[in-house]
Each structure stands twice: as structure tokens, then as C-alpha cells.
Amino acid sequence: MTFYKNSEGYSDPSAGKALAAIARDDRRERRLERIQAQEDYEHLCRQFKRMAEESGFEFPGQIWLRNKKSGFIFKNG
């Protein structure tokens, strides 16, 4: 187990616990953002494919999209 030490080199378990909680919350928030972005991507792909089909076209390959906010890159198939 790694212990947090303050700037003077002394063990500071309270600060270590607080920083660990912040890091955990950040990971959870990023995971939720990723899930939402994935759902948005899948919705867009369905719309693209439906519009193409209605116009007599199809997507023969993958659809790649990058989320501008998060930078996540999504591809299907």
C-alpha cells in the first residue's frame, strides 16, 4: 500500500484518502462520459445507415467518429 506524503515528506493519510477519492470520482465520471458517448455514437450510426438505406446507399465499411469533447474515437464493425 502506498502512503501519501506531504511536501515535507511526512505521512499524511487524510490527504492521501482525499486524493484517492478524487481520483476515483474522476475515473467514474470519465467512464460515464465514455458510456454516454458510445450510446450517442451508436444512435448516430443507426441514423446514418437508415438515411443511406432510404436514399439507396449503404455503408460498406466502418463508420469512424471522434467525440470532440472527450477525444474518444469510435468505430463499428
N, C-alpha and C. Protein backbone atom coordinates (compact mmCIF):
# COMPACT_ATOMS: atom_id res chain seq x y z
N MET A 1 0.84 -1.18 0.00
CA MET A 1 0.00 0.00 0.00
C MET A 1 0.88 1.24 0.00
N THR A 2 0.58 2.17 -0.88
CA THR A 2 1.35 3.40 -0.98
C THR A 2 0.71 4.46 -0.09
N PHE A 3 1.53 5.14 0.66
CA PHE A 3 1.04 6.19 1.54
C PHE A 3 1.39 7.54 0.96
N TYR A 4 0.47 8.46 1.12
CA TYR A 4 0.71 9.82 0.63
C TYR A 4 1.60 10.54 1.62
N LYS A 5 2.55 11.28 1.10
CA LYS A 5 3.42 12.10 1.95
C LYS A 5 3.28 13.55 1.52
N ASN A 6 3.26 14.43 2.51
CA ASN A 6 3.14 15.86 2.19
C ASN A 6 4.46 16.40 1.65
N SER A 7 4.47 17.71 1.38
CA SER A 7 5.65 18.32 0.76
C SER A 7 6.89 18.25 1.66
N GLU A 8 6.68 18.08 2.96
CA GLU A 8 7.81 17.97 3.87
C GLU A 8 8.27 16.53 4.06
N GLY A 9 7.57 15.58 3.41
CA GLY A 9 7.97 14.20 3.46
C GLY A 9 7.31 13.39 4.57
N TYR A 10 6.38 14.01 5.30
CA TYR A 10 5.69 13.28 6.37
C TYR A 10 4.46 12.57 5.83
N SER A 11 4.15 11.44 6.42
CA SER A 11 2.97 10.68 6.03
C SER A 11 1.72 11.51 6.34
N ASP A 12 0.79 11.56 5.37
CA ASP A 12 -0.45 12.32 5.54
C ASP A 12 -1.61 11.47 5.02
N PRO A 13 -2.08 10.52 5.83
CA PRO A 13 -3.12 9.59 5.37
C PRO A 13 -4.44 10.27 5.04
N SER A 14 -4.80 11.35 5.74
CA SER A 14 -6.07 12.04 5.45
C SER A 14 -6.04 12.63 4.05
N ALA A 15 -4.96 13.30 3.72
CA ALA A 15 -4.82 13.88 2.38
C ALA A 15 -4.76 12.77 1.34
N GLY A 16 -4.08 11.68 1.68
CA GLY A 16 -3.99 10.55 0.74
C GLY A 16 -5.36 9.97 0.44
N LYS A 17 -6.19 9.82 1.47
CA LYS A 17 -7.55 9.30 1.26
C LYS A 17 -8.38 10.26 0.43
N ALA A 18 -8.24 11.56 0.70
CA ALA A 18 -9.00 12.56 -0.06
C ALA A 18 -8.58 12.55 -1.53
N LEU A 19 -7.29 12.49 -1.78
CA LEU A 19 -6.81 12.47 -3.16
C LEU A 19 -7.23 11.19 -3.88
N ALA A 20 -7.24 10.07 -3.16
CA ALA A 20 -7.68 8.81 -3.76
C ALA A 20 -9.16 8.88 -4.12
N ALA A 21 -9.96 9.51 -3.26
CA ALA A 21 -11.39 9.66 -3.54
C ALA A 21 -11.62 10.54 -4.76
N ILE A 22 -10.85 11.60 -4.87
CA ILE A 22 -10.97 12.49 -6.03
C ILE A 22 -10.61 11.73 -7.31
N ALA A 23 -9.54 10.98 -7.26
CA ALA A 23 -9.12 10.20 -8.44
C ALA A 23 -10.19 9.17 -8.81
N ARG A 24 -10.77 8.53 -7.81
CA ARG A 24 -11.82 7.53 -8.06
C ARG A 24 -13.04 8.20 -8.70
N ASP A 25 -13.42 9.38 -8.18
CA ASP A 25 -14.56 10.10 -8.76
C ASP A 25 -14.28 10.52 -10.20
N ASP A 26 -13.05 10.95 -10.46
CA ASP A 26 -12.67 11.34 -11.83
C ASP A 26 -12.76 10.15 -12.78
N ARG A 27 -12.29 8.97 -12.33
CA ARG A 27 -12.37 7.77 -13.17
C ARG A 27 -13.82 7.39 -13.43
N ARG A 28 -14.66 7.49 -12.41
CA ARG A 28 -16.08 7.17 -12.56
C ARG A 28 -16.74 8.13 -13.55
N GLU A 29 -16.44 9.42 -13.42
CA GLU A 29 -17.03 10.40 -14.32
C GLU A 29 -16.58 10.16 -15.77
N ARG A 30 -15.32 9.86 -15.95
CA ARG A 30 -14.80 9.59 -17.30
C ARG A 30 -15.45 8.33 -17.89
N ARG A 31 -15.65 7.31 -17.05
CA ARG A 31 -16.30 6.09 -17.51
C ARG A 31 -17.74 6.38 -17.94
N LEU A 32 -18.46 7.21 -17.17
CA LEU A 32 -19.83 7.57 -17.53
C LEU A 32 -19.87 8.40 -18.82
N GLU A 33 -18.90 9.29 -18.99
CA GLU A 33 -18.81 10.06 -20.24
C GLU A 33 -18.59 9.13 -21.42
N ARG A 34 -17.75 8.14 -21.24
CA ARG A 34 -17.46 7.18 -22.31
C ARG A 34 -18.71 6.39 -22.68
N ILE A 35 -19.46 5.96 -21.67
CA ILE A 35 -20.69 5.21 -21.93
C ILE A 35 -21.69 6.08 -22.69
N GLN A 36 -21.85 7.34 -22.27
CA GLN A 36 -22.79 8.23 -22.96
C GLN A 36 -22.35 8.50 -24.39
N ALA A 37 -21.05 8.72 -24.59
CA ALA A 37 -20.54 8.95 -25.94
C ALA A 37 -20.75 7.72 -26.81
N GLN A 38 -20.57 6.53 -26.26
CA GLN A 38 -20.80 5.29 -27.02
C GLN A 38 -22.26 5.18 -27.44
N GLU A 39 -23.17 5.51 -26.52
CA GLU A 39 -24.60 5.47 -26.85
C GLU A 39 -24.93 6.49 -27.95
N ASP A 40 -24.35 7.68 -27.85
CA ASP A 40 -24.58 8.71 -28.88
C ASP A 40 -24.05 8.23 -30.23
N TYR A 41 -22.87 7.62 -30.23
CA TYR A 41 -22.27 7.10 -31.46
C TYR A 41 -23.17 6.04 -32.10
N GLU A 42 -23.63 5.10 -31.30
CA GLU A 42 -24.50 4.05 -31.83
C GLU A 42 -25.79 4.62 -32.41
N HIS A 43 -26.33 5.64 -31.75
CA HIS A 43 -27.54 6.29 -32.25
C HIS A 43 -27.26 6.96 -33.60
N LEU A 44 -26.15 7.66 -33.71
CA LEU A 44 -25.79 8.30 -34.98
C LEU A 44 -25.59 7.29 -36.09
N CYS A 45 -24.92 6.17 -35.79
CA CYS A 45 -24.70 5.14 -36.80
C CYS A 45 -26.03 4.61 -37.32
N ARG A 46 -26.97 4.37 -36.43
CA ARG A 46 -28.29 3.90 -36.87
C ARG A 46 -28.95 4.92 -37.78
N GLN A 47 -28.84 6.20 -37.42
CA GLN A 47 -29.43 7.25 -38.25
C GLN A 47 -28.74 7.33 -39.61
N PHE A 48 -27.41 7.28 -39.63
CA PHE A 48 -26.67 7.31 -40.90
C PHE A 48 -27.09 6.16 -41.80
N LYS A 49 -27.13 4.97 -41.22
CA LYS A 49 -27.47 3.79 -42.01
C LYS A 49 -28.90 3.86 -42.53
N ARG A 50 -29.82 4.35 -41.71
CA ARG A 50 -31.21 4.47 -42.14
C ARG A 50 -31.34 5.50 -43.27
N MET A 51 -30.67 6.65 -43.13
CA MET A 51 -30.73 7.67 -44.17
C MET A 51 -30.11 7.14 -45.47
N ALA A 52 -29.00 6.44 -45.37
CA ALA A 52 -28.36 5.89 -46.56
C ALA A 52 -29.27 4.87 -47.23
N GLU A 53 -29.86 3.99 -46.44
CA GLU A 53 -30.76 2.97 -46.98
C GLU A 53 -31.95 3.61 -47.69
N GLU A 54 -32.52 4.63 -47.09
CA GLU A 54 -33.67 5.32 -47.69
C GLU A 54 -33.30 6.02 -49.00
N SER A 55 -32.01 6.35 -49.15
CA SER A 55 -31.54 7.04 -50.35
C SER A 55 -30.92 6.09 -51.36
N GLY A 56 -30.97 4.77 -51.07
CA GLY A 56 -30.43 3.80 -51.99
C GLY A 56 -28.94 3.56 -51.85
N PHE A 57 -28.40 3.89 -50.70
CA PHE A 57 -26.97 3.69 -50.44
C PHE A 57 -26.80 2.77 -49.24
N GLU A 58 -25.54 2.37 -49.05
CA GLU A 58 -25.20 1.58 -47.87
C GLU A 58 -23.79 1.93 -47.43
N PHE A 59 -23.45 1.59 -46.22
CA PHE A 59 -22.10 1.77 -45.70
C PHE A 59 -21.38 0.44 -45.84
N PRO A 60 -20.45 0.30 -46.77
CA PRO A 60 -19.76 -0.98 -46.95
C PRO A 60 -18.65 -1.20 -45.93
N GLY A 61 -18.28 -0.16 -45.21
CA GLY A 61 -17.18 -0.30 -44.25
C GLY A 61 -17.54 0.29 -42.90
N GLN A 62 -16.54 0.54 -42.13
CA GLN A 62 -16.73 1.06 -40.79
C GLN A 62 -17.06 2.54 -40.80
N ILE A 63 -17.75 2.96 -39.79
CA ILE A 63 -18.02 4.39 -39.57
C ILE A 63 -17.17 4.80 -38.37
N TRP A 64 -16.25 5.72 -38.59
CA TRP A 64 -15.39 6.20 -37.52
C TRP A 64 -15.83 7.62 -37.15
N LEU A 65 -15.96 7.87 -35.86
CA LEU A 65 -16.27 9.21 -35.37
C LEU A 65 -15.42 9.49 -34.14
N ARG A 66 -15.03 10.76 -34.00
CA ARG A 66 -14.28 11.18 -32.81
C ARG A 66 -15.12 12.19 -32.06
N ASN A 67 -15.28 11.96 -30.76
CA ASN A 67 -16.00 12.89 -29.91
C ASN A 67 -15.12 14.10 -29.68
N LYS A 68 -15.58 15.29 -30.08
CA LYS A 68 -14.76 16.50 -29.97
C LYS A 68 -14.40 16.83 -28.53
N LYS A 69 -15.34 16.63 -27.62
CA LYS A 69 -15.12 17.00 -26.22
C LYS A 69 -14.12 16.06 -25.53
N SER A 70 -14.33 14.77 -25.66
CA SER A 70 -13.52 13.81 -24.93
C SER A 70 -12.33 13.30 -25.72
N GLY A 71 -12.43 13.36 -27.06
CA GLY A 71 -11.36 12.82 -27.89
C GLY A 71 -11.49 11.33 -28.14
N PHE A 72 -12.51 10.69 -27.57
CA PHE A 72 -12.73 9.26 -27.80
C PHE A 72 -13.01 9.01 -29.27
N ILE A 73 -12.44 7.95 -29.82
CA ILE A 73 -12.68 7.56 -31.20
C ILE A 73 -13.51 6.28 -31.19
N PHE A 74 -14.58 6.29 -31.97
CA PHE A 74 -15.49 5.15 -32.03
C PHE A 74 -15.52 4.63 -33.45
N LYS A 75 -15.61 3.32 -33.58
CA LYS A 75 -15.77 2.69 -34.89
C LYS A 75 -16.65 1.46 -34.72
N ASN A 76 -17.44 1.17 -35.73
CA ASN A 76 -18.31 -0.01 -35.65
C ASN A 76 -17.75 -1.12 -36.51
N GLY A 77 -18.26 -2.32 -36.25
CA GLY A 77 -17.89 -3.47 -37.05
C GLY A 77 -16.51 -3.85 -36.85
